[in-house]
Amino acid sequence: MDSQGYELHPEACGDVDEIRGYIAADKRADLTDRPLRFIRVRDYVIAYAPDEKPLWVIAVMHGHRSPRVMAAILRGREEQPSSF
């Protein structure tokens, strides 16, 4: 067992790589033309710019919102990140 408390079967490593590739390609062209990615966490959708360093989260929206409302929110957030 490694220091993280678990080990992956060799084929499970492949499964994780496939999932990572699927998530990395998760784009919503119906919401924006920008190179954003989206991930769902429970009932929420997180939109982020993967090429920004540090990672730039554009929006955290409830997943039951209409796609039209989500697209409007994203359009309204065109400016570059600012630090708090």
Protein backbone atom coordinates (compact mmCIF):
# COMPACT_ATOMS: atom_id res chain seq x y z
CA MET A 1 0.00 0.00 0.00
CA ASP A 2 1.34 3.45 -0.81
CA SER A 3 1.38 6.56 1.39
CA GLN A 4 -2.08 7.59 0.12
CA GLY A 5 -3.73 4.52 1.62
CA TYR A 6 -4.76 2.82 -1.62
CA GLU A 7 -3.43 1.16 -4.73
CA LEU A 8 -4.93 0.99 -8.19
CA HIS A 9 -5.16 -2.14 -10.25
CA PRO A 10 -3.20 -1.59 -13.50
CA GLU A 11 -6.43 -1.61 -15.51
CA ALA A 12 -8.01 0.86 -13.08
CA CYS A 13 -5.17 3.27 -13.92
CA GLY A 14 -6.34 3.09 -17.52
CA ASP A 15 -9.90 3.76 -16.40
CA VAL A 16 -8.79 6.89 -14.56
CA ASP A 17 -6.86 8.09 -17.62
CA GLU A 18 -9.95 7.61 -19.80
CA ILE A 19 -12.09 9.57 -17.34
CA ARG A 20 -9.50 12.34 -17.18
CA GLY A 21 -9.51 12.57 -20.97
CA TYR A 22 -13.30 12.66 -21.07
CA ILE A 23 -13.48 15.43 -18.47
CA ALA A 24 -10.71 17.40 -20.20
CA ALA A 25 -12.77 17.36 -23.40
CA ASP A 26 -15.94 18.45 -21.58
CA LYS A 27 -16.86 21.64 -23.43
CA ARG A 28 -20.29 23.21 -23.78
CA ALA A 29 -20.43 24.85 -27.19
CA ASP A 30 -24.11 25.54 -26.54
CA LEU A 31 -23.12 27.91 -23.70
CA THR A 32 -20.02 29.72 -24.98
CA ASP A 33 -17.47 29.88 -27.80
CA ARG A 34 -14.70 30.53 -25.29
CA PRO A 35 -12.23 27.71 -24.49
CA LEU A 36 -13.85 26.90 -21.16
CA ARG A 37 -14.34 23.55 -19.53
CA PHE A 38 -17.16 22.45 -17.29
CA ILE A 39 -17.39 20.02 -14.45
CA ARG A 40 -20.47 18.99 -12.52
CA VAL A 41 -20.22 18.74 -8.74
CA ARG A 42 -23.44 17.46 -7.21
CA ASP A 43 -26.13 19.87 -8.44
CA TYR A 44 -23.70 22.55 -9.61
CA VAL A 45 -21.80 23.26 -12.80
CA ILE A 46 -18.38 24.88 -12.51
CA ALA A 47 -17.09 26.73 -15.58
CA TYR A 48 -13.35 27.30 -15.68
CA ALA A 49 -10.56 28.43 -18.00
CA PRO A 50 -8.07 25.55 -17.92
CA ASP A 51 -5.26 27.46 -19.61
CA GLU A 52 -5.11 30.21 -16.98
CA LYS A 53 -2.48 29.93 -14.25
CA PRO A 54 -3.63 29.83 -11.56
CA LEU A 55 -6.82 28.09 -12.65
CA TRP A 56 -9.52 30.69 -13.29
CA VAL A 57 -13.04 29.71 -12.21
CA ILE A 58 -15.51 31.74 -14.27
CA ALA A 59 -18.79 30.66 -12.67
CA VAL A 60 -20.41 28.26 -10.24
CA MET A 61 -24.03 27.77 -11.29
CA HIS A 62 -26.86 25.51 -10.24
CA GLY A 63 -27.17 22.75 -12.82
CA HIS A 64 -30.94 23.15 -13.14
CA ARG A 65 -30.66 26.66 -14.56
CA SER A 66 -31.68 27.02 -18.15
CA PRO A 67 -28.81 26.84 -20.66
CA ARG A 68 -29.90 30.27 -21.92
CA VAL A 69 -29.39 31.78 -18.44
CA MET A 70 -26.04 30.01 -18.05
CA ALA A 71 -24.88 31.38 -21.42
CA ALA A 72 -25.92 34.91 -20.36
CA ILE A 73 -23.96 34.59 -17.11
CA LEU A 74 -20.85 33.49 -19.01
CA ARG A 75 -21.20 36.31 -21.56
CA GLY A 76 -21.29 38.79 -18.69
CA ARG A 77 -17.95 37.56 -17.36
CA GLU A 78 -15.64 38.37 -20.24
CA GLU A 79 -12.96 40.28 -18.32
CA GLN A 80 -9.71 38.79 -17.07
CA PRO A 81 -9.32 37.45 -13.54
CA SER A 82 -8.66 39.79 -10.67
CA SER A 83 -7.27 38.91 -7.29
CA PHE A 84 -9.36 39.42 -4.20
